[in-house]
Amino acid sequence: MKKIVLTAALCALLAGCKTNEANYRQAYEVAKQKYENADTVSTGSHKLERYAQPHAAVIGSDTIKVLTEPLSAVSGEGLTSSQIRRYNVVAGRFRQIFNARQMRQRLIASGYGATAILASPMPLYYVVTISTDTVADAVEEIHRLESDTTLRFRTPLPFVLSPR
């Protein structure tokens, strides 16, 4: 008799805990709210700051987006660390190196021969189309990228990345 009562109680408990769309929606909304209010993003056991966002800077008659981060060159991907200049025009930003490599290859095939990949300690991989010491060259490259109808960018791309 005890077994029957225990089994019936267990079945009732399990039946009441079934997942349904409402439960999934509620969990999703709670997680989304926590993410939107958090200052950090958890990845595994590490805490990473939210991606740094470029800020607007007025240079001459142009307003461009600029981000300053510690940078290093990715070996075999276009530049060495000693070749990184003050202004690097970013066409893509990725968390995984293979995505950055694919974009770099597409840009090279589209006529952007000076394309390279730079890395930040976050780790983020930036696909840059030009690394220059003059702001005029950087602004010109941003206009070139923005006017290229074969490319589509998500905000905040393209922007200027400067090494810290």
N, C-alpha and C. Protein backbone atom coordinates (compact mmCIF):
# COMPACT_ATOMS: atom_id res chain seq x y z
N MET A 1 0.82 -1.18 0.00
CA MET A 1 0.00 0.00 0.00
C MET A 1 0.87 1.26 0.00
N LYS A 2 1.97 1.21 0.79
CA LYS A 2 2.88 2.34 0.84
C LYS A 2 3.46 2.64 -0.54
N LYS A 3 3.79 1.57 -1.29
CA LYS A 3 4.37 1.73 -2.62
C LYS A 3 3.40 2.42 -3.55
N ILE A 4 2.14 2.08 -3.49
CA ILE A 4 1.14 2.66 -4.37
C ILE A 4 0.97 4.15 -4.05
N VAL A 5 0.88 4.50 -2.78
CA VAL A 5 0.73 5.89 -2.37
C VAL A 5 1.96 6.69 -2.76
N LEU A 6 3.14 6.12 -2.53
CA LEU A 6 4.39 6.79 -2.88
C LEU A 6 4.51 6.98 -4.39
N THR A 7 4.14 5.96 -5.16
CA THR A 7 4.18 6.05 -6.62
C THR A 7 3.18 7.09 -7.12
N ALA A 8 1.98 7.11 -6.56
CA ALA A 8 0.98 8.09 -6.96
C ALA A 8 1.44 9.51 -6.64
N ALA A 9 2.06 9.71 -5.50
CA ALA A 9 2.56 11.03 -5.11
C ALA A 9 3.69 11.47 -6.05
N LEU A 10 4.56 10.53 -6.39
CA LEU A 10 5.67 10.83 -7.29
C LEU A 10 5.15 11.20 -8.68
N CYS A 11 4.16 10.46 -9.19
CA CYS A 11 3.57 10.78 -10.49
C CYS A 11 2.90 12.15 -10.49
N ALA A 12 2.20 12.47 -9.43
CA ALA A 12 1.53 13.76 -9.33
C ALA A 12 2.56 14.90 -9.30
N LEU A 13 3.66 14.66 -8.60
CA LEU A 13 4.71 15.66 -8.51
C LEU A 13 5.36 15.88 -9.87
N LEU A 14 5.66 14.79 -10.57
CA LEU A 14 6.28 14.90 -11.89
C LEU A 14 5.34 15.52 -12.91
N ALA A 15 4.09 15.20 -12.85
CA ALA A 15 3.12 15.74 -13.80
C ALA A 15 2.96 17.25 -13.61
N GLY A 16 3.09 17.72 -12.38
CA GLY A 16 2.96 19.15 -12.11
C GLY A 16 4.19 19.94 -12.53
N CYS A 17 5.30 19.27 -12.78
CA CYS A 17 6.56 19.94 -13.12
C CYS A 17 6.87 19.88 -14.61
N LYS A 18 5.92 19.48 -15.42
CA LYS A 18 6.17 19.41 -16.85
C LYS A 18 6.54 20.78 -17.39
N THR A 19 7.48 20.78 -18.34
CA THR A 19 7.84 22.04 -18.98
C THR A 19 6.80 22.36 -20.04
N ASN A 20 6.56 23.61 -20.21
CA ASN A 20 5.65 24.05 -21.26
C ASN A 20 6.15 25.38 -21.80
N GLU A 21 5.49 25.86 -22.80
CA GLU A 21 5.94 27.10 -23.45
C GLU A 21 5.93 28.28 -22.48
N ALA A 22 4.97 28.32 -21.58
CA ALA A 22 4.90 29.42 -20.62
C ALA A 22 6.11 29.41 -19.69
N ASN A 23 6.52 28.20 -19.26
CA ASN A 23 7.71 28.10 -18.39
C ASN A 23 8.96 28.56 -19.13
N TYR A 24 9.11 28.13 -20.38
CA TYR A 24 10.27 28.54 -21.18
C TYR A 24 10.27 30.06 -21.38
N ARG A 25 9.13 30.63 -21.70
CA ARG A 25 9.02 32.07 -21.92
C ARG A 25 9.39 32.84 -20.66
N GLN A 26 8.90 32.37 -19.50
CA GLN A 26 9.19 33.04 -18.24
C GLN A 26 10.69 32.98 -17.94
N ALA A 27 11.31 31.83 -18.13
CA ALA A 27 12.75 31.69 -17.89
C ALA A 27 13.55 32.57 -18.85
N TYR A 28 13.11 32.64 -20.10
CA TYR A 28 13.77 33.48 -21.09
C TYR A 28 13.71 34.95 -20.69
N GLU A 29 12.54 35.40 -20.28
CA GLU A 29 12.36 36.81 -19.89
C GLU A 29 13.22 37.16 -18.67
N VAL A 30 13.31 36.25 -17.70
CA VAL A 30 14.14 36.49 -16.52
C VAL A 30 15.61 36.59 -16.92
N ALA A 31 16.07 35.66 -17.77
CA ALA A 31 17.46 35.67 -18.21
C ALA A 31 17.76 36.93 -19.03
N LYS A 32 16.84 37.31 -19.89
CA LYS A 32 17.02 38.51 -20.72
C LYS A 32 17.13 39.75 -19.85
N GLN A 33 16.30 39.85 -18.84
CA GLN A 33 16.32 40.99 -17.92
C GLN A 33 17.64 41.05 -17.16
N LYS A 34 18.12 39.89 -16.69
CA LYS A 34 19.40 39.86 -15.98
C LYS A 34 20.53 40.30 -16.89
N TYR A 35 20.51 39.85 -18.15
CA TYR A 35 21.56 40.21 -19.11
C TYR A 35 21.55 41.70 -19.39
N GLU A 36 20.39 42.26 -19.59
CA GLU A 36 20.28 43.68 -19.92
C GLU A 36 20.71 44.57 -18.76
N ASN A 37 20.53 44.10 -17.52
CA ASN A 37 20.88 44.90 -16.35
C ASN A 37 22.30 44.64 -15.85
N ALA A 38 22.98 43.63 -16.40
CA ALA A 38 24.30 43.26 -15.91
C ALA A 38 25.38 44.16 -16.48
N ASP A 39 26.43 44.36 -15.70
CA ASP A 39 27.59 45.10 -16.18
C ASP A 39 28.61 44.16 -16.81
N THR A 40 28.46 42.88 -16.56
CA THR A 40 29.39 41.91 -17.11
C THR A 40 28.63 40.80 -17.79
N VAL A 41 29.31 40.09 -18.66
CA VAL A 41 28.75 38.93 -19.34
C VAL A 41 29.53 37.73 -18.86
N SER A 42 28.86 36.70 -18.39
CA SER A 42 29.55 35.53 -17.90
C SER A 42 29.82 34.56 -19.05
N THR A 43 31.06 34.16 -19.17
CA THR A 43 31.41 33.13 -20.14
C THR A 43 32.23 32.10 -19.41
N GLY A 44 31.65 30.95 -19.15
CA GLY A 44 32.35 29.93 -18.40
C GLY A 44 32.62 30.45 -17.01
N SER A 45 33.88 30.31 -16.57
CA SER A 45 34.23 30.77 -15.24
C SER A 45 34.79 32.18 -15.24
N HIS A 46 34.86 32.80 -16.41
CA HIS A 46 35.43 34.14 -16.52
C HIS A 46 34.31 35.17 -16.64
N LYS A 47 34.60 36.35 -16.16
CA LYS A 47 33.69 37.47 -16.34
C LYS A 47 34.35 38.43 -17.30
N LEU A 48 33.62 38.80 -18.34
CA LEU A 48 34.13 39.76 -19.32
C LEU A 48 33.28 41.01 -19.28
N GLU A 49 33.93 42.15 -19.42
CA GLU A 49 33.17 43.38 -19.54
C GLU A 49 32.40 43.34 -20.84
N ARG A 50 31.30 44.07 -20.89
CA ARG A 50 30.58 44.17 -22.16
C ARG A 50 31.54 44.73 -23.19
N TYR A 51 31.29 44.38 -24.44
CA TYR A 51 32.14 44.90 -25.50
C TYR A 51 32.22 46.42 -25.39
N ALA A 52 33.42 46.90 -25.48
CA ALA A 52 33.59 48.35 -25.48
C ALA A 52 32.99 48.90 -26.77
N GLN A 53 32.28 49.98 -26.64
CA GLN A 53 31.64 50.59 -27.80
C GLN A 53 32.41 51.84 -28.21
N PRO A 54 32.56 52.03 -29.51
CA PRO A 54 33.25 53.24 -29.98
C PRO A 54 32.49 54.50 -29.59
N HIS A 55 33.22 55.57 -29.40
CA HIS A 55 32.60 56.86 -29.11
C HIS A 55 32.80 57.78 -30.31
N ALA A 56 31.92 58.73 -30.45
CA ALA A 56 31.99 59.66 -31.58
C ALA A 56 33.09 60.67 -31.34
N ALA A 57 33.85 60.93 -32.40
CA ALA A 57 34.91 61.93 -32.34
C ALA A 57 34.81 62.80 -33.59
N VAL A 58 34.89 64.10 -33.40
CA VAL A 58 34.84 65.02 -34.53
C VAL A 58 36.27 65.27 -34.99
N ILE A 59 36.51 64.93 -36.24
CA ILE A 59 37.83 65.11 -36.83
C ILE A 59 37.65 65.92 -38.10
N GLY A 60 38.11 67.15 -38.06
CA GLY A 60 37.89 68.05 -39.19
C GLY A 60 36.40 68.30 -39.33
N SER A 61 35.87 68.01 -40.51
CA SER A 61 34.44 68.19 -40.73
C SER A 61 33.68 66.87 -40.62
N ASP A 62 34.39 65.80 -40.25
CA ASP A 62 33.78 64.47 -40.14
C ASP A 62 33.62 64.05 -38.69
N THR A 63 32.57 63.30 -38.43
CA THR A 63 32.40 62.66 -37.13
C THR A 63 32.56 61.16 -37.36
N ILE A 64 33.55 60.59 -36.69
CA ILE A 64 33.79 59.16 -36.84
C ILE A 64 33.72 58.49 -35.48
N LYS A 65 33.55 57.19 -35.49
CA LYS A 65 33.51 56.41 -34.26
C LYS A 65 34.92 55.88 -33.99
N VAL A 66 35.38 56.04 -32.75
CA VAL A 66 36.73 55.65 -32.37
C VAL A 66 36.68 54.80 -31.11
N LEU A 67 37.47 53.73 -31.10
CA LEU A 67 37.61 52.85 -29.94
C LEU A 67 39.09 52.66 -29.67
N THR A 68 39.50 52.75 -28.42
CA THR A 68 40.89 52.55 -28.04
C THR A 68 40.99 51.29 -27.18
N GLU A 69 41.85 50.36 -27.60
CA GLU A 69 42.04 49.09 -26.90
C GLU A 69 43.47 48.62 -27.05
N PRO A 70 43.95 47.80 -26.13
CA PRO A 70 45.25 47.17 -26.35
C PRO A 70 45.12 46.21 -27.53
N LEU A 71 46.08 46.24 -28.44
CA LEU A 71 45.99 45.42 -29.65
C LEU A 71 47.27 44.65 -29.89
N SER A 72 47.11 43.51 -30.55
CA SER A 72 48.26 42.75 -31.04
C SER A 72 47.87 42.18 -32.40
N ALA A 73 48.88 41.92 -33.22
CA ALA A 73 48.62 41.36 -34.54
C ALA A 73 48.46 39.85 -34.41
N VAL A 74 47.59 39.27 -35.22
CA VAL A 74 47.43 37.83 -35.27
C VAL A 74 48.45 37.32 -36.29
N SER A 75 49.28 36.40 -35.87
CA SER A 75 50.37 35.89 -36.71
C SER A 75 49.86 35.34 -38.03
N GLY A 76 50.49 35.79 -39.11
CA GLY A 76 50.15 35.30 -40.44
C GLY A 76 48.87 35.88 -41.02
N GLU A 77 48.32 36.92 -40.40
CA GLU A 77 47.06 37.48 -40.85
C GLU A 77 47.18 38.94 -41.28
N GLY A 78 48.27 39.28 -41.98
CA GLY A 78 48.35 40.58 -42.62
C GLY A 78 49.32 41.58 -42.04
N LEU A 79 49.46 41.64 -40.72
CA LEU A 79 50.35 42.61 -40.09
C LEU A 79 51.15 41.94 -38.98
N THR A 80 52.27 42.58 -38.64
CA THR A 80 52.97 42.20 -37.43
C THR A 80 52.67 43.27 -36.39
N SER A 81 52.97 43.00 -35.14
CA SER A 81 52.66 43.98 -34.09
C SER A 81 53.38 45.31 -34.30
N SER A 82 54.57 45.28 -34.88
CA SER A 82 55.31 46.52 -35.12
C SER A 82 54.71 47.34 -36.28
N GLN A 83 53.85 46.74 -37.09
CA GLN A 83 53.22 47.43 -38.21
C GLN A 83 51.87 48.05 -37.87
N ILE A 84 51.38 47.82 -36.66
CA ILE A 84 50.09 48.40 -36.25
C ILE A 84 50.28 49.90 -36.05
N ARG A 85 49.50 50.69 -36.75
CA ARG A 85 49.59 52.14 -36.71
C ARG A 85 48.52 52.73 -35.78
N ARG A 86 48.47 54.03 -35.72
CA ARG A 86 47.59 54.72 -34.79
C ARG A 86 46.11 54.58 -35.14
N TYR A 87 45.77 54.54 -36.43
CA TYR A 87 44.37 54.47 -36.86
C TYR A 87 44.16 53.21 -37.69
N ASN A 88 43.27 52.33 -37.23
CA ASN A 88 42.96 51.07 -37.91
C ASN A 88 41.46 51.05 -38.19
N VAL A 89 41.09 50.96 -39.45
CA VAL A 89 39.67 50.99 -39.81
C VAL A 89 39.11 49.57 -39.74
N VAL A 90 38.12 49.39 -38.87
CA VAL A 90 37.55 48.07 -38.59
C VAL A 90 36.32 47.84 -39.47
N ALA A 91 36.34 46.71 -40.19
CA ALA A 91 35.20 46.31 -41.01
C ALA A 91 34.44 45.15 -40.37
N GLY A 92 35.06 44.48 -39.40
CA GLY A 92 34.40 43.36 -38.73
C GLY A 92 34.98 43.11 -37.35
N ARG A 93 34.14 42.62 -36.44
CA ARG A 93 34.55 42.33 -35.06
C ARG A 93 33.95 40.98 -34.68
N PHE A 94 34.80 40.05 -34.24
CA PHE A 94 34.36 38.68 -33.98
C PHE A 94 34.95 38.14 -32.68
N ARG A 95 34.26 37.18 -32.10
CA ARG A 95 34.77 36.49 -30.92
C ARG A 95 35.56 35.25 -31.32
N GLN A 96 35.37 34.76 -32.53
CA GLN A 96 36.06 33.55 -32.97
C GLN A 96 36.94 33.86 -34.17
N ILE A 97 38.17 33.37 -34.12
CA ILE A 97 39.16 33.69 -35.13
C ILE A 97 38.76 33.19 -36.51
N PHE A 98 38.11 32.04 -36.61
CA PHE A 98 37.79 31.53 -37.95
C PHE A 98 36.78 32.44 -38.66
N ASN A 99 35.89 33.09 -37.93
CA ASN A 99 34.97 34.04 -38.55
C ASN A 99 35.72 35.26 -39.07
N ALA A 100 36.69 35.74 -38.30
CA ALA A 100 37.51 36.86 -38.74
C ALA A 100 38.31 36.49 -39.98
N ARG A 101 38.85 35.29 -40.01
CA ARG A 101 39.62 34.85 -41.18
C ARG A 101 38.74 34.76 -42.43
N GLN A 102 37.52 34.28 -42.28
CA GLN A 102 36.61 34.21 -43.43
C GLN A 102 36.30 35.60 -43.96
N MET A 103 36.02 36.55 -43.07
CA MET A 103 35.73 37.90 -43.53
C MET A 103 36.95 38.51 -44.19
N ARG A 104 38.12 38.28 -43.62
CA ARG A 104 39.35 38.82 -44.22
C ARG A 104 39.51 38.31 -45.64
N GLN A 105 39.28 37.03 -45.87
CA GLN A 105 39.42 36.46 -47.21
C GLN A 105 38.40 37.07 -48.18
N ARG A 106 37.17 37.28 -47.72
CA ARG A 106 36.15 37.91 -48.57
C ARG A 106 36.54 39.34 -48.93
N LEU A 107 37.08 40.08 -47.97
CA LEU A 107 37.50 41.45 -48.24
C LEU A 107 38.67 41.50 -49.21
N ILE A 108 39.62 40.60 -49.06
CA ILE A 108 40.75 40.55 -49.98
C ILE A 108 40.26 40.26 -51.40
N ALA A 109 39.31 39.31 -51.52
CA ALA A 109 38.74 38.99 -52.83
C ALA A 109 37.96 40.17 -53.42
N SER A 110 37.48 41.07 -52.57
CA SER A 110 36.72 42.24 -53.02
C SER A 110 37.60 43.46 -53.28
N GLY A 111 38.92 43.30 -53.18
CA GLY A 111 39.81 44.40 -53.50
C GLY A 111 40.41 45.14 -52.32
N TYR A 112 40.19 44.66 -51.12
CA TYR A 112 40.78 45.27 -49.93
C TYR A 112 42.04 44.48 -49.55
N GLY A 113 43.11 44.71 -50.30
CA GLY A 113 44.32 43.90 -50.18
C GLY A 113 45.11 44.08 -48.90
N ALA A 114 44.98 45.22 -48.23
CA ALA A 114 45.76 45.49 -47.02
C ALA A 114 45.06 44.97 -45.76
N THR A 115 44.03 44.16 -45.92
CA THR A 115 43.24 43.67 -44.79
C THR A 115 44.07 42.80 -43.85
N ALA A 116 43.85 42.98 -42.55
CA ALA A 116 44.57 42.22 -41.54
C ALA A 116 43.64 41.92 -40.37
N ILE A 117 44.11 41.07 -39.47
CA ILE A 117 43.35 40.75 -38.26
C ILE A 117 44.17 41.17 -37.05
N LEU A 118 43.53 41.95 -36.17
CA LEU A 118 44.14 42.36 -34.91
C LEU A 118 43.33 41.76 -33.77
N ALA A 119 44.00 41.52 -32.65
CA ALA A 119 43.33 40.90 -31.50
C ALA A 119 43.44 41.79 -30.28
N SER A 120 42.39 41.75 -29.47
CA SER A 120 42.42 42.44 -28.18
C SER A 120 42.45 41.36 -27.10
N PRO A 121 42.82 41.73 -25.88
CA PRO A 121 42.88 40.72 -24.81
C PRO A 121 41.52 40.21 -24.35
N MET A 122 40.43 40.77 -24.87
CA MET A 122 39.08 40.44 -24.38
C MET A 122 38.67 38.98 -24.53
N PRO A 123 38.82 38.14 -25.41
CA PRO A 123 39.45 38.24 -26.72
C PRO A 123 38.42 38.59 -27.79
N LEU A 124 38.75 39.57 -28.58
CA LEU A 124 37.99 39.94 -29.77
C LEU A 124 38.97 40.04 -30.93
N TYR A 125 38.48 39.67 -32.10
CA TYR A 125 39.30 39.73 -33.30
C TYR A 125 38.69 40.78 -34.23
N TYR A 126 39.53 41.75 -34.61
CA TYR A 126 39.09 42.84 -35.46
C TYR A 126 39.67 42.66 -36.86
N VAL A 127 38.81 42.75 -37.87
CA VAL A 127 39.26 42.71 -39.26
C VAL A 127 39.40 44.16 -39.70
N VAL A 128 40.64 44.56 -39.99
CA VAL A 128 40.91 45.94 -40.37
C VAL A 128 41.30 46.00 -41.84
N THR A 129 40.83 47.02 -42.52
CA THR A 129 41.12 47.16 -43.95
C THR A 129 42.31 48.06 -44.21
N ILE A 130 42.67 48.89 -43.23
CA ILE A 130 43.83 49.76 -43.37
C ILE A 130 44.36 50.10 -41.99
N SER A 131 45.68 50.19 -41.88
CA SER A 131 46.35 50.63 -40.67
C SER A 131 47.23 51.81 -41.07
N THR A 132 46.93 52.99 -40.55
CA THR A 132 47.59 54.21 -41.01
C THR A 132 47.92 55.13 -39.85
N ASP A 133 48.83 56.06 -40.10
CA ASP A 133 49.19 57.07 -39.11
C ASP A 133 48.43 58.37 -39.29
N THR A 134 47.68 58.49 -40.37
CA THR A 134 46.96 59.75 -40.61
C THR A 134 45.45 59.54 -40.51
N VAL A 135 44.81 60.48 -39.84
CA VAL A 135 43.37 60.41 -39.67
C VAL A 135 42.65 60.60 -41.01
N ALA A 136 43.25 61.37 -41.91
CA ALA A 136 42.63 61.61 -43.22
C ALA A 136 42.49 60.30 -44.00
N ASP A 137 43.53 59.46 -43.95
CA ASP A 137 43.47 58.16 -44.62
C ASP A 137 42.39 57.27 -44.00
N ALA A 138 42.27 57.32 -42.67
CA ALA A 138 41.26 56.52 -41.98
C ALA A 138 39.86 56.96 -42.36
N VAL A 139 39.63 58.27 -42.39
CA VAL A 139 38.31 58.80 -42.76
C VAL A 139 37.99 58.43 -44.20
N GLU A 140 38.96 58.54 -45.07
CA GLU A 140 38.76 58.18 -46.48
C GLU A 140 38.39 56.69 -46.61
N GLU A 141 39.04 55.84 -45.84
CA GLU A 141 38.74 54.39 -45.87
C GLU A 141 37.35 54.11 -45.34
N ILE A 142 36.94 54.80 -44.30
CA ILE A 142 35.57 54.62 -43.76
C ILE A 142 34.55 54.99 -44.84
N HIS A 143 34.77 56.12 -45.52
CA HIS A 143 33.85 56.52 -46.59
C HIS A 143 33.84 55.49 -47.72
N ARG A 144 35.00 54.94 -48.04
CA ARG A 144 35.09 53.90 -49.08
C ARG A 144 34.27 52.67 -48.68
N LEU A 145 34.41 52.23 -47.43
CA LEU A 145 33.67 51.06 -46.95
C LEU A 145 32.16 51.34 -46.95
N GLU A 146 31.77 52.51 -46.46
CA GLU A 146 30.35 52.84 -46.38
C GLU A 146 29.70 52.98 -47.75
N SER A 147 30.48 53.36 -48.75
CA SER A 147 29.91 53.52 -50.09
C SER A 147 29.97 52.24 -50.92
N ASP A 148 30.65 51.21 -50.42
CA ASP A 148 30.75 49.94 -51.12
C ASP A 148 29.41 49.19 -50.97
N THR A 149 28.67 49.06 -52.05
CA THR A 149 27.33 48.44 -51.99
C THR A 149 27.39 46.93 -51.82
N THR A 150 28.56 46.32 -51.98
CA THR A 150 28.67 44.87 -51.79
C THR A 150 28.83 44.50 -50.32
N LEU A 151 29.06 45.49 -49.47
CA LEU A 151 29.25 45.24 -48.05
C LEU A 151 28.07 45.76 -47.25
N ARG A 152 27.73 45.03 -46.18
CA ARG A 152 26.69 45.47 -45.26
C ARG A 152 27.27 45.44 -43.85
N PHE A 153 27.03 46.50 -43.12
CA PHE A 153 27.59 46.61 -41.78
C PHE A 153 26.50 46.76 -40.75
N ARG A 154 26.76 46.20 -39.57
CA ARG A 154 25.89 46.42 -38.41
C ARG A 154 26.54 47.49 -37.55
N THR A 155 25.72 48.24 -36.86
CA THR A 155 26.22 49.27 -35.96
C THR A 155 27.11 48.61 -34.92
N PRO A 156 28.26 49.09 -34.63
CA PRO A 156 28.84 50.39 -34.90
C PRO A 156 29.83 50.40 -36.07
N LEU A 157 29.85 49.36 -36.88
CA LEU A 157 30.83 49.25 -37.97
C LEU A 157 30.50 50.18 -39.12
N PRO A 158 31.48 50.62 -39.87
CA PRO A 158 32.91 50.59 -39.59
C PRO A 158 33.30 51.68 -38.60
N PHE A 159 34.42 51.47 -37.91
CA PHE A 159 34.92 52.46 -36.97
C PHE A 159 36.43 52.40 -36.94
N VAL A 160 37.03 53.37 -36.25
CA VAL A 160 38.49 53.44 -36.13
C VAL A 160 38.89 52.83 -34.79
N LEU A 161 39.88 51.96 -34.84
CA LEU A 161 40.42 51.30 -33.65
C LEU A 161 41.84 51.81 -33.45
N SER A 162 42.12 52.32 -32.27
CA SER A 162 43.45 52.82 -31.95
C SER A 162 44.06 51.97 -30.86
N PRO A 163 45.35 51.64 -30.99
CA PRO A 163 45.99 50.86 -29.92
C PRO A 163 46.22 51.70 -28.67
N ARG A 164 46.10 51.06 -27.55
CA ARG A 164 46.32 51.75 -26.27
C ARG A 164 47.78 51.65 -25.92
